[in-house]
Amino acid sequence: MKPPSRLRSVPARYCVGSAPQVWTDREKRRLLQALRAQTQIPGPLRPERLKKYLPSKEESEIMEFVDLLKERVAREAVKAQYRYRQSRQKDAPIPAPIEVQKGCGLS
């Protein structure tokens, strides 16, 4: 007999404090403009300067989104490096059994 269905709770990784607000494409483009303007000024990232480009967002929201973007970039860089190494291993010649023995010091 099949057990009764039950309501499942949302995993904790999806519940981050209050409900995150959706960023529109226009806001993302404005943030990109602000980040480009920041690269011309040496020093750390200044949230108050980014806020000038995005008056509808709080500084904390802007920095959270920037951190999210940094995480995505890091994740994609790791994936790309992994794929590169996988392709190099796939293209490498398979050693003959005698070469494996020499590499292990069993000759």
PDB file of N, CA and C in Angstrom:
ATOM      1  N   MET A   1       0.840  -1.173   0.000  1.00  0.00           N
ATOM      2  CA  MET A   1       0.000   0.000   0.000  1.00  0.00           C
ATOM      3  C   MET A   1       0.888   1.240   0.000  1.00  0.00           C
ATOM      4  N   LYS A   2       0.494   2.185  -0.763  1.00  0.00           N
ATOM      5  CA  LYS A   2       1.274   3.405  -0.918  1.00  0.00           C
ATOM      6  C   LYS A   2       1.057   4.327   0.292  1.00  0.00           C
ATOM      7  N   PRO A   3       2.155   4.899   0.848  1.00  0.00           N
ATOM      8  CA  PRO A   3       1.968   5.807   1.991  1.00  0.00           C
ATOM      9  C   PRO A   3       1.309   7.111   1.549  1.00  0.00           C
ATOM     10  N   PRO A   4       0.656   7.789   2.478  1.00  0.00           N
ATOM     11  CA  PRO A   4      -0.007   9.049   2.112  1.00  0.00           C
ATOM     12  C   PRO A   4       1.013  10.123   1.751  1.00  0.00           C
ATOM     13  N   SER A   5       0.613  11.015   0.873  1.00  0.00           N
ATOM     14  CA  SER A   5       1.515  12.090   0.482  1.00  0.00           C
ATOM     15  C   SER A   5       1.673  13.065   1.639  1.00  0.00           C
ATOM     16  N   ARG A   6       2.815  13.718   1.658  1.00  0.00           N
ATOM     17  CA  ARG A   6       3.070  14.692   2.738  1.00  0.00           C
ATOM     18  C   ARG A   6       3.635  15.970   2.140  1.00  0.00           C
ATOM     19  N   LEU A   7       3.406  17.056   2.811  1.00  0.00           N
ATOM     20  CA  LEU A   7       3.948  18.334   2.383  1.00  0.00           C
ATOM     21  C   LEU A   7       5.433  18.369   2.722  1.00  0.00           C
ATOM     22  N   ARG A   8       6.218  18.794   1.793  1.00  0.00           N
ATOM     23  CA  ARG A   8       7.657  18.881   2.016  1.00  0.00           C
ATOM     24  C   ARG A   8       8.054  20.330   2.235  1.00  0.00           C
ATOM     25  N   SER A   9       8.975  20.523   3.134  1.00  0.00           N
ATOM     26  CA  SER A   9       9.439  21.882   3.400  1.00  0.00           C
ATOM     27  C   SER A   9      10.507  22.267   2.385  1.00  0.00           C
ATOM     28  N   VAL A  10      10.661  23.540   2.195  1.00  0.00           N
ATOM     29  CA  VAL A  10      11.656  24.055   1.264  1.00  0.00           C
ATOM     30  C   VAL A  10      13.032  23.924   1.914  1.00  0.00           C
ATOM     31  N   PRO A  11      14.049  23.452   1.178  1.00  0.00           N
ATOM     32  CA  PRO A  11      15.395  23.353   1.759  1.00  0.00           C
ATOM     33  C   PRO A  11      15.894  24.709   2.244  1.00  0.00           C
ATOM     34  N   ALA A  12      16.712  24.674   3.269  1.00  0.00           N
ATOM     35  CA  ALA A  12      17.200  25.908   3.894  1.00  0.00           C
ATOM     36  C   ALA A  12      18.004  26.762   2.918  1.00  0.00           C
ATOM     37  N   ARG A  13      18.663  26.122   1.934  1.00  0.00           N
ATOM     38  CA  ARG A  13      19.483  26.909   1.013  1.00  0.00           C
ATOM     39  C   ARG A  13      18.648  27.838   0.146  1.00  0.00           C
ATOM     40  N   TYR A  14      17.345  27.553   0.041  1.00  0.00           N
ATOM     41  CA  TYR A  14      16.483  28.418  -0.748  1.00  0.00           C
ATOM     42  C   TYR A  14      15.827  29.514   0.085  1.00  0.00           C
ATOM     43  N   CYS A  15      15.898  29.417   1.374  1.00  0.00           N
ATOM     44  CA  CYS A  15      15.290  30.424   2.255  1.00  0.00           C
ATOM     45  C   CYS A  15      16.397  31.272   2.867  1.00  0.00           C
ATOM     46  N   VAL A  16      16.702  32.371   2.281  1.00  0.00           N
ATOM     47  CA  VAL A  16      17.754  33.249   2.773  1.00  0.00           C
ATOM     48  C   VAL A  16      17.084  34.514   3.301  1.00  0.00           C
ATOM     49  N   GLY A  17      16.812  34.530   4.588  1.00  0.00           N
ATOM     50  CA  GLY A  17      16.215  35.716   5.199  1.00  0.00           C
ATOM     51  C   GLY A  17      14.890  36.072   4.548  1.00  0.00           C
ATOM     52  N   SER A  18      14.732  37.336   4.219  1.00  0.00           N
ATOM     53  CA  SER A  18      13.518  37.784   3.567  1.00  0.00           C
ATOM     54  C   SER A  18      13.542  37.383   2.093  1.00  0.00           C
ATOM     55  N   ALA A  19      12.420  37.468   1.480  1.00  0.00           N
ATOM     56  CA  ALA A  19      12.330  37.093   0.063  1.00  0.00           C
ATOM     57  C   ALA A  19      13.175  38.041  -0.777  1.00  0.00           C
ATOM     58  N   PRO A  20      14.099  37.515  -1.570  1.00  0.00           N
ATOM     59  CA  PRO A  20      14.947  38.389  -2.385  1.00  0.00           C
ATOM     60  C   PRO A  20      14.132  39.066  -3.484  1.00  0.00           C
ATOM     61  N   GLN A  21      14.449  40.317  -3.723  1.00  0.00           N
ATOM     62  CA  GLN A  21      13.748  41.034  -4.771  1.00  0.00           C
ATOM     63  C   GLN A  21      14.382  40.709  -6.110  1.00  0.00           C
ATOM     64  N   VAL A  22      13.541  40.689  -7.110  1.00  0.00           N
ATOM     65  CA  VAL A  22      13.998  40.362  -8.451  1.00  0.00           C
ATOM     66  C   VAL A  22      14.667  41.584  -9.063  1.00  0.00           C
ATOM     67  N   TRP A  23      15.797  41.354  -9.696  1.00  0.00           N
ATOM     68  CA  TRP A  23      16.510  42.427 -10.385  1.00  0.00           C
ATOM     69  C   TRP A  23      16.038  42.448 -11.833  1.00  0.00           C
ATOM     70  N   THR A  24      15.633  43.593 -12.302  1.00  0.00           N
ATOM     71  CA  THR A  24      15.220  43.727 -13.691  1.00  0.00           C
ATOM     72  C   THR A  24      16.454  43.832 -14.585  1.00  0.00           C
ATOM     73  N   ASP A  25      16.256  43.629 -15.868  1.00  0.00           N
ATOM     74  CA  ASP A  25      17.373  43.742 -16.818  1.00  0.00           C
ATOM     75  C   ASP A  25      17.940  45.158 -16.809  1.00  0.00           C
ATOM     76  N   ARG A  26      17.079  46.132 -16.665  1.00  0.00           N
ATOM     77  CA  ARG A  26      17.539  47.537 -16.642  1.00  0.00           C
ATOM     78  C   ARG A  26      18.434  47.788 -15.428  1.00  0.00           C
ATOM     79  N   GLU A  27      18.031  47.249 -14.272  1.00  0.00           N
ATOM     80  CA  GLU A  27      18.841  47.423 -13.066  1.00  0.00           C
ATOM     81  C   GLU A  27      20.188  46.712 -13.210  1.00  0.00           C
ATOM     82  N   LYS A  28      20.178  45.544 -13.827  1.00  0.00           N
ATOM     83  CA  LYS A  28      21.438  44.826 -14.039  1.00  0.00           C
ATOM     84  C   LYS A  28      22.373  45.608 -14.956  1.00  0.00           C
ATOM     85  N   ARG A  29      21.804  46.216 -16.006  1.00  0.00           N
ATOM     86  CA  ARG A  29      22.639  47.031 -16.908  1.00  0.00           C
ATOM     87  C   ARG A  29      23.193  48.245 -16.182  1.00  0.00           C
ATOM     88  N   ARG A  30      22.373  48.869 -15.335  1.00  0.00           N
ATOM     89  CA  ARG A  30      22.839  50.030 -14.565  1.00  0.00           C
ATOM     90  C   ARG A  30      23.953  49.618 -13.592  1.00  0.00           C
ATOM     91  N   LEU A  31      23.805  48.451 -12.986  1.00  0.00           N
ATOM     92  CA  LEU A  31      24.853  47.960 -12.090  1.00  0.00           C
ATOM     93  C   LEU A  31      26.138  47.719 -12.870  1.00  0.00           C
ATOM     94  N   LEU A  32      26.020  47.168 -14.056  1.00  0.00           N
ATOM     95  CA  LEU A  32      27.199  46.948 -14.893  1.00  0.00           C
ATOM     96  C   LEU A  32      27.879  48.262 -15.243  1.00  0.00           C
ATOM     97  N   GLN A  33      27.099  49.285 -15.549  1.00  0.00           N
ATOM     98  CA  GLN A  33      27.662  50.621 -15.814  1.00  0.00           C
ATOM     99  C   GLN A  33      28.388  51.145 -14.579  1.00  0.00           C
ATOM    100  N   ALA A  34      27.760  50.964 -13.420  1.00  0.00           N
ATOM    101  CA  ALA A  34      28.376  51.435 -12.174  1.00  0.00           C
ATOM    102  C   ALA A  34      29.676  50.701 -11.895  1.00  0.00           C
ATOM    103  N   LEU A  35      29.696  49.403 -12.135  1.00  0.00           N
ATOM    104  CA  LEU A  35      30.917  48.626 -11.904  1.00  0.00           C
ATOM    105  C   LEU A  35      32.022  49.035 -12.871  1.00  0.00           C
ATOM    106  N   ARG A  36      31.653  49.329 -14.111  1.00  0.00           N
ATOM    107  CA  ARG A  36      32.650  49.801 -15.078  1.00  0.00           C
ATOM    108  C   ARG A  36      33.215  51.149 -14.654  1.00  0.00           C
ATOM    109  N   ALA A  37      32.356  52.025 -14.130  1.00  0.00           N
ATOM    110  CA  ALA A  37      32.829  53.325 -13.659  1.00  0.00           C
ATOM    111  C   ALA A  37      33.756  53.156 -12.456  1.00  0.00           C
ATOM    112  N   GLN A  38      33.489  52.126 -11.631  1.00  0.00           N
ATOM    113  CA  GLN A  38      34.317  51.872 -10.449  1.00  0.00           C
ATOM    114  C   GLN A  38      35.712  51.400 -10.822  1.00  0.00           C
ATOM    115  N   THR A  39      35.841  50.713 -11.964  1.00  0.00           N
ATOM    116  CA  THR A  39      37.152  50.190 -12.335  1.00  0.00           C
ATOM    117  C   THR A  39      38.128  51.308 -12.683  1.00  0.00           C
ATOM    118  N   GLN A  40      37.607  52.463 -13.036  1.00  0.00           N
ATOM    119  CA  GLN A  40      38.477  53.592 -13.375  1.00  0.00           C
ATOM    120  C   GLN A  40      39.046  54.248 -12.120  1.00  0.00           C
ATOM    121  N   ILE A  41      38.426  54.017 -10.977  1.00  0.00           N
ATOM    122  CA  ILE A  41      38.875  54.598  -9.711  1.00  0.00           C
ATOM    123  C   ILE A  41      39.580  53.496  -8.917  1.00  0.00           C
ATOM    124  N   PRO A  42      40.850  53.682  -8.564  1.00  0.00           N
ATOM    125  CA  PRO A  42      41.554  52.640  -7.817  1.00  0.00           C
ATOM    126  C   PRO A  42      40.994  52.515  -6.397  1.00  0.00           C
ATOM    127  N   GLY A  43      41.130  51.325  -5.861  1.00  0.00           N
ATOM    128  CA  GLY A  43      40.681  51.091  -4.497  1.00  0.00           C
ATOM    129  C   GLY A  43      39.578  50.044  -4.444  1.00  0.00           C
ATOM    130  N   PRO A  44      39.069  49.804  -3.223  1.00  0.00           N
ATOM    131  CA  PRO A  44      38.030  48.781  -3.062  1.00  0.00           C
ATOM    132  C   PRO A  44      36.689  49.231  -3.652  1.00  0.00           C
ATOM    133  N   LEU A  45      35.788  48.289  -3.761  1.00  0.00           N
ATOM    134  CA  LEU A  45      34.452  48.555  -4.285  1.00  0.00           C
ATOM    135  C   LEU A  45      33.685  49.441  -3.296  1.00  0.00           C
ATOM    136  N   ARG A  46      33.117  50.526  -3.773  1.00  0.00           N
ATOM    137  CA  ARG A  46      32.415  51.487  -2.911  1.00  0.00           C
ATOM    138  C   ARG A  46      30.909  51.389  -3.151  1.00  0.00           C
ATOM    139  N   PRO A  47      30.153  50.821  -2.203  1.00  0.00           N
ATOM    140  CA  PRO A  47      28.707  50.656  -2.391  1.00  0.00           C
ATOM    141  C   PRO A  47      27.957  51.980  -2.542  1.00  0.00           C
ATOM    142  N   GLU A  48      28.454  53.030  -1.903  1.00  0.00           N
ATOM    143  CA  GLU A  48      27.750  54.321  -2.007  1.00  0.00           C
ATOM    144  C   GLU A  48      27.821  54.882  -3.429  1.00  0.00           C
ATOM    145  N   ARG A  49      28.894  54.570  -4.145  1.00  0.00           N
ATOM    146  CA  ARG A  49      28.987  55.019  -5.541  1.00  0.00           C
ATOM    147  C   ARG A  49      28.083  54.181  -6.443  1.00  0.00           C
ATOM    148  N   LEU A  50      27.952  52.902  -6.119  1.00  0.00           N
ATOM    149  CA  LEU A  50      27.042  52.060  -6.888  1.00  0.00           C
ATOM    150  C   LEU A  50      25.592  52.474  -6.661  1.00  0.00           C
ATOM    151  N   LYS A  51      25.318  52.945  -5.464  1.00  0.00           N
ATOM    152  CA  LYS A  51      23.950  53.360  -5.108  1.00  0.00           C
ATOM    153  C   LYS A  51      23.492  54.536  -5.970  1.00  0.00           C
ATOM    154  N   LYS A  52      24.407  55.373  -6.415  1.00  0.00           N
ATOM    155  CA  LYS A  52      24.048  56.507  -7.267  1.00  0.00           C
ATOM    156  C   LYS A  52      23.420  56.040  -8.573  1.00  0.00           C
ATOM    157  N   TYR A  53      23.885  54.897  -9.067  1.00  0.00           N
ATOM    158  CA  TYR A  53      23.345  54.349 -10.310  1.00  0.00           C
ATOM    159  C   TYR A  53      22.040  53.585 -10.085  1.00  0.00           C
ATOM    160  N   LEU A  54      21.849  53.094  -8.861  1.00  0.00           N
ATOM    161  CA  LEU A  54      20.673  52.284  -8.537  1.00  0.00           C
ATOM    162  C   LEU A  54      19.958  52.858  -7.311  1.00  0.00           C
ATOM    163  N   PRO A  55      19.239  53.969  -7.454  1.00  0.00           N
ATOM    164  CA  PRO A  55      18.600  54.579  -6.289  1.00  0.00           C
ATOM    165  C   PRO A  55      17.478  53.735  -5.685  1.00  0.00           C
ATOM    166  N   SER A  56      16.924  52.781  -6.452  1.00  0.00           N
ATOM    167  CA  SER A  56      15.822  51.967  -5.939  1.00  0.00           C
ATOM    168  C   SER A  56      16.293  50.816  -5.050  1.00  0.00           C
ATOM    169  N   LYS A  57      17.583  50.532  -5.041  1.00  0.00           N
ATOM    170  CA  LYS A  57      18.132  49.414  -4.261  1.00  0.00           C
ATOM    171  C   LYS A  57      18.929  49.936  -3.067  1.00  0.00           C
ATOM    172  N   GLU A  58      18.905  49.149  -1.995  1.00  0.00           N
ATOM    173  CA  GLU A  58      19.717  49.463  -0.820  1.00  0.00           C
ATOM    174  C   GLU A  58      21.157  49.016  -1.072  1.00  0.00           C
ATOM    175  N   GLU A  59      22.074  49.615  -0.333  1.00  0.00           N
ATOM    176  CA  GLU A  59      23.486  49.244  -0.498  1.00  0.00           C
ATOM    177  C   GLU A  59      23.706  47.767  -0.180  1.00  0.00           C
ATOM    178  N   SER A  60      23.012  47.263   0.841  1.00  0.00           N
ATOM    179  CA  SER A  60      23.169  45.852   1.204  1.00  0.00           C
ATOM    180  C   SER A  60      22.670  44.943   0.079  1.00  0.00           C
ATOM    181  N   GLU A  61      21.557  45.307  -0.567  1.00  0.00           N
ATOM    182  CA  GLU A  61      21.048  44.517  -1.691  1.00  0.00           C
ATOM    183  C   GLU A  61      22.040  44.517  -2.852  1.00  0.00           C
ATOM    184  N   ILE A  62      22.621  45.663  -3.111  1.00  0.00           N
ATOM    185  CA  ILE A  62      23.588  45.775  -4.205  1.00  0.00           C
ATOM    186  C   ILE A  62      24.797  44.892  -3.924  1.00  0.00           C
ATOM    187  N   MET A  63      25.319  44.961  -2.708  1.00  0.00           N
ATOM    188  CA  MET A  63      26.501  44.175  -2.377  1.00  0.00           C
ATOM    189  C   MET A  63      26.191  42.673  -2.360  1.00  0.00           C
ATOM    190  N   GLU A  64      24.992  42.296  -1.925  1.00  0.00           N
ATOM    191  CA  GLU A  64      24.608  40.885  -1.964  1.00  0.00           C
ATOM    192  C   GLU A  64      24.584  40.385  -3.405  1.00  0.00           C
ATOM    193  N   PHE A  65      24.052  41.201  -4.308  1.00  0.00           N
ATOM    194  CA  PHE A  65      23.989  40.802  -5.715  1.00  0.00           C
ATOM    195  C   PHE A  65      25.390  40.734  -6.317  1.00  0.00           C
ATOM    196  N   VAL A  66      26.252  41.677  -5.964  1.00  0.00           N
ATOM    197  CA  VAL A  66      27.639  41.649  -6.451  1.00  0.00           C
ATOM    198  C   VAL A  66      28.337  40.390  -5.940  1.00  0.00           C
ATOM    199  N   ASP A  67      28.112  40.033  -4.671  1.00  0.00           N
ATOM    200  CA  ASP A  67      28.705  38.809  -4.123  1.00  0.00           C
ATOM    201  C   ASP A  67      28.172  37.573  -4.844  1.00  0.00           C
ATOM    202  N   LEU A  68      26.884  37.578  -5.165  1.00  0.00           N
ATOM    203  CA  LEU A  68      26.299  36.472  -5.920  1.00  0.00           C
ATOM    204  C   LEU A  68      26.967  36.339  -7.283  1.00  0.00           C
ATOM    205  N   LEU A  69      27.205  37.472  -7.931  1.00  0.00           N
ATOM    206  CA  LEU A  69      27.875  37.449  -9.235  1.00  0.00           C
ATOM    207  C   LEU A  69      29.304  36.938  -9.112  1.00  0.00           C
ATOM    208  N   LYS A  70      29.993  37.334  -8.049  1.00  0.00           N
ATOM    209  CA  LYS A  70      31.360  36.849  -7.827  1.00  0.00           C
ATOM    210  C   LYS A  70      31.373  35.335  -7.642  1.00  0.00           C
ATOM    211  N   GLU A  71      30.379  34.814  -6.899  1.00  0.00           N
ATOM    212  CA  GLU A  71      30.295  33.374  -6.696  1.00  0.00           C
ATOM    213  C   GLU A  71      30.058  32.649  -8.017  1.00  0.00           C
ATOM    214  N   ARG A  72      29.185  33.208  -8.846  1.00  0.00           N
ATOM    215  CA  ARG A  72      28.919  32.600 -10.149  1.00  0.00           C
ATOM    216  C   ARG A  72      30.170  32.578 -11.016  1.00  0.00           C
ATOM    217  N   VAL A  73      30.901  33.679 -10.999  1.00  0.00           N
ATOM    218  CA  VAL A  73      32.130  33.752 -11.803  1.00  0.00           C
ATOM    219  C   VAL A  73      33.130  32.717 -11.317  1.00  0.00           C
ATOM    220  N   ALA A  74      33.291  32.597 -10.011  1.00  0.00           N
ATOM    221  CA  ALA A  74      34.232  31.622  -9.460  1.00  0.00           C
ATOM    222  C   ALA A  74      33.806  30.208  -9.828  1.00  0.00           C
ATOM    223  N   ARG A  75      32.514  29.923  -9.731  1.00  0.00           N
ATOM    224  CA  ARG A  75      32.003  28.597 -10.068  1.00  0.00           C
ATOM    225  C   ARG A  75      32.246  28.271 -11.539  1.00  0.00           C
ATOM    226  N   GLU A  76      31.989  29.229 -12.399  1.00  0.00           N
ATOM    227  CA  GLU A  76      32.205  29.008 -13.830  1.00  0.00           C
ATOM    228  C   GLU A  76      33.687  28.833 -14.150  1.00  0.00           C
ATOM    229  N   ALA A  77      34.552  29.550 -13.449  1.00  0.00           N
ATOM    230  CA  ALA A  77      35.997  29.402 -13.669  1.00  0.00           C
ATOM    231  C   ALA A  77      36.460  28.006 -13.269  1.00  0.00           C
ATOM    232  N   VAL A  78      35.939  27.506 -12.154  1.00  0.00           N
ATOM    233  CA  VAL A  78      36.303  26.159 -11.714  1.00  0.00           C
ATOM    234  C   VAL A  78      35.799  25.126 -12.716  1.00  0.00           C
ATOM    235  N   LYS A  79      34.560  25.311 -13.184  1.00  0.00           N
ATOM    236  CA  LYS A  79      34.016  24.377 -14.185  1.00  0.00           C
ATOM    237  C   LYS A  79      34.859  24.382 -15.456  1.00  0.00           C
ATOM    238  N   ALA A  80      35.249  25.552 -15.907  1.00  0.00           N
ATOM    239  CA  ALA A  80      36.043  25.655 -17.125  1.00  0.00           C
ATOM    240  C   ALA A  80      37.392  24.970 -16.946  1.00  0.00           C
ATOM    241  N   GLN A  81      38.018  25.170 -15.804  1.00  0.00           N
ATOM    242  CA  GLN A  81      39.311  24.529 -15.529  1.00  0.00           C
ATOM    243  C   GLN A  81      39.152  23.015 -15.478  1.00  0.00           C
ATOM    244  N   TYR A  82      38.062  22.554 -14.861  1.00  0.00           N
ATOM    245  CA  TYR A  82      37.810  21.116 -14.774  1.00  0.00           C
ATOM    246  C   TYR A  82      37.604  20.525 -16.170  1.00  0.00           C
ATOM    247  N   ARG A  83      36.799  21.196 -16.992  1.00  0.00           N
ATOM    248  CA  ARG A  83      36.558  20.713 -18.353  1.00  0.00           C
ATOM    249  C   ARG A  83      37.853  20.687 -19.160  1.00  0.00           C
ATOM    250  N   TYR A  84      38.698  21.696 -18.973  1.00  0.00           N
ATOM    251  CA  TYR A  84      39.985  21.748 -19.673  1.00  0.00           C
ATOM    252  C   TYR A  84      40.852  20.556 -19.282  1.00  0.00           C
ATOM    253  N   ARG A  85      40.921  20.288 -17.984  1.00  0.00           N
ATOM    254  CA  ARG A  85      41.749  19.164 -17.529  1.00  0.00           C
ATOM    255  C   ARG A  85      41.176  17.831 -17.991  1.00  0.00           C
ATOM    256  N   GLN A  86      39.851  17.711 -17.994  1.00  0.00           N
ATOM    257  CA  GLN A  86      39.228  16.481 -18.471  1.00  0.00           C
ATOM    258  C   GLN A  86      39.562  16.253 -19.945  1.00  0.00           C
ATOM    259  N   SER A  87      39.502  17.308 -20.744  1.00  0.00           N
ATOM    260  CA  SER A  87      39.805  17.152 -22.166  1.00  0.00           C
ATOM    261  C   SER A  87      41.277  16.800 -22.373  1.00  0.00           C
ATOM    262  N   ARG A  88      42.155  17.353 -21.558  1.00  0.00           N
ATOM    263  CA  ARG A  88      43.588  17.015 -21.676  1.00  0.00           C
ATOM    264  C   ARG A  88      43.832  15.561 -21.310  1.00  0.00           C
ATOM    265  N   GLN A  89      43.134  15.076 -20.274  1.00  0.00           N
ATOM    266  CA  GLN A  89      43.296  13.681 -19.874  1.00  0.00           C
ATOM    267  C   GLN A  89      42.743  12.741 -20.939  1.00  0.00           C
ATOM    268  N   LYS A  90      41.640  13.148 -21.553  1.00  0.00           N
ATOM    269  CA  LYS A  90      41.030  12.316 -22.577  1.00  0.00           C
ATOM    270  C   LYS A  90      41.936  12.221 -23.799  1.00  0.00           C
ATOM    271  N   ASP A  91      42.619  13.308 -24.125  1.00  0.00           N
ATOM    272  CA  ASP A  91      43.498  13.341 -25.290  1.00  0.00           C
ATOM    273  C   ASP A  91      44.862  12.713 -25.030  1.00  0.00           C
ATOM    274  N   ALA A  92      45.213  12.507 -23.779  1.00  0.00           N
ATOM    275  CA  ALA A  92      46.526  11.944 -23.446  1.00  0.00           C
ATOM    276  C   ALA A  92      46.570  10.475 -23.863  1.00  0.00           C
ATOM    277  N   PRO A  93      47.733  10.014 -24.308  1.00  0.00           N
ATOM    278  CA  PRO A  93      47.838   8.600 -24.700  1.00  0.00           C
ATOM    279  C   PRO A  93      47.751   7.697 -23.472  1.00  0.00           C
ATOM    280  N   ILE A  94      47.126   6.548 -23.659  1.00  0.00           N
ATOM    281  CA  ILE A  94      47.003   5.583 -22.570  1.00  0.00           C
ATOM    282  C   ILE A  94      48.329   4.832 -22.468  1.00  0.00           C
ATOM    283  N   PRO A  95      48.936   4.825 -21.266  1.00  0.00           N
ATOM    284  CA  PRO A  95      50.234   4.159 -21.148  1.00  0.00           C
ATOM    285  C   PRO A  95      50.091   2.640 -21.276  1.00  0.00           C
ATOM    286  N   ALA A  96      51.096   2.049 -21.879  1.00  0.00           N
ATOM    287  CA  ALA A  96      51.135   0.595 -21.996  1.00  0.00           C
ATOM    288  C   ALA A  96      51.411   0.004 -20.619  1.00  0.00           C
ATOM    289  N   PRO A  97      51.054  -1.255 -20.375  1.00  0.00           N
ATOM    290  CA  PRO A  97      51.231  -1.849 -19.037  1.00  0.00           C
ATOM    291  C   PRO A  97      52.668  -1.783 -18.532  1.00  0.00           C
ATOM    292  N   ILE A  98      53.651  -1.921 -19.401  1.00  0.00           N
ATOM    293  CA  ILE A  98      55.038  -1.868 -18.948  1.00  0.00           C
ATOM    294  C   ILE A  98      55.400  -0.481 -18.447  1.00  0.00           C
ATOM    295  N   GLU A  99      54.833   0.558 -19.084  1.00  0.00           N
ATOM    296  CA  GLU A  99      55.103   1.910 -18.650  1.00  0.00           C
ATOM    297  C   GLU A  99      54.468   2.179 -17.281  1.00  0.00           C
ATOM    298  N   VAL A 100      53.328   1.577 -17.033  1.00  0.00           N
ATOM    299  CA  VAL A 100      52.680   1.729 -15.729  1.00  0.00           C
ATOM    300  C   VAL A 100      53.539   1.090 -14.657  1.00  0.00           C
ATOM    301  N   GLN A 101      54.098  -0.084 -14.934  1.00  0.00           N
ATOM    302  CA  GLN A 101      54.951  -0.749 -13.980  1.00  0.00           C
ATOM    303  C   GLN A 101      56.215   0.069 -13.697  1.00  0.00           C
ATOM    304  N   LYS A 102      56.788   0.671 -14.720  1.00  0.00           N
ATOM    305  CA  LYS A 102      57.985   1.487 -14.514  1.00  0.00           C
ATOM    306  C   LYS A 102      57.646   2.694 -13.665  1.00  0.00           C
ATOM    307  N   GLY A 103      56.466   3.268 -13.865  1.00  0.00           N
ATOM    308  CA  GLY A 103      56.067   4.434 -13.088  1.00  0.00           C
ATOM    309  C   GLY A 103      55.865   4.100 -11.629  1.00  0.00           C
ATOM    310  N   CYS A 104      55.478   2.852 -11.322  1.00  0.00           N
ATOM    311  CA  CYS A 104      55.253   2.430  -9.938  1.00  0.00           C
ATOM    312  C   CYS A 104      56.525   1.881  -9.289  1.00  0.00           C
ATOM    313  N   GLY A 105      57.549   1.695 -10.081  1.00  0.00           N
ATOM    314  CA  GLY A 105      58.810   1.165  -9.555  1.00  0.00           C
ATOM    315  C   GLY A 105      58.792  -0.341  -9.381  1.00  0.00           C
ATOM    316  N   LEU A 106      58.007  -1.061 -10.182  1.00  0.00           N
ATOM    317  CA  LEU A 106      57.871  -2.502 -10.076  1.00  0.00           C
ATOM    318  C   LEU A 106      58.662  -3.270 -11.130  1.00  0.00           C
ATOM    319  N   SER A 107      59.643  -2.713 -11.738  1.00  0.00           N
ATOM    320  CA  SER A 107      60.353  -3.435 -12.809  1.00  0.00           C
ATOM    321  C   SER A 107      61.451  -4.296 -12.307  1.00  0.00           C
TER     322      SER A 107
END
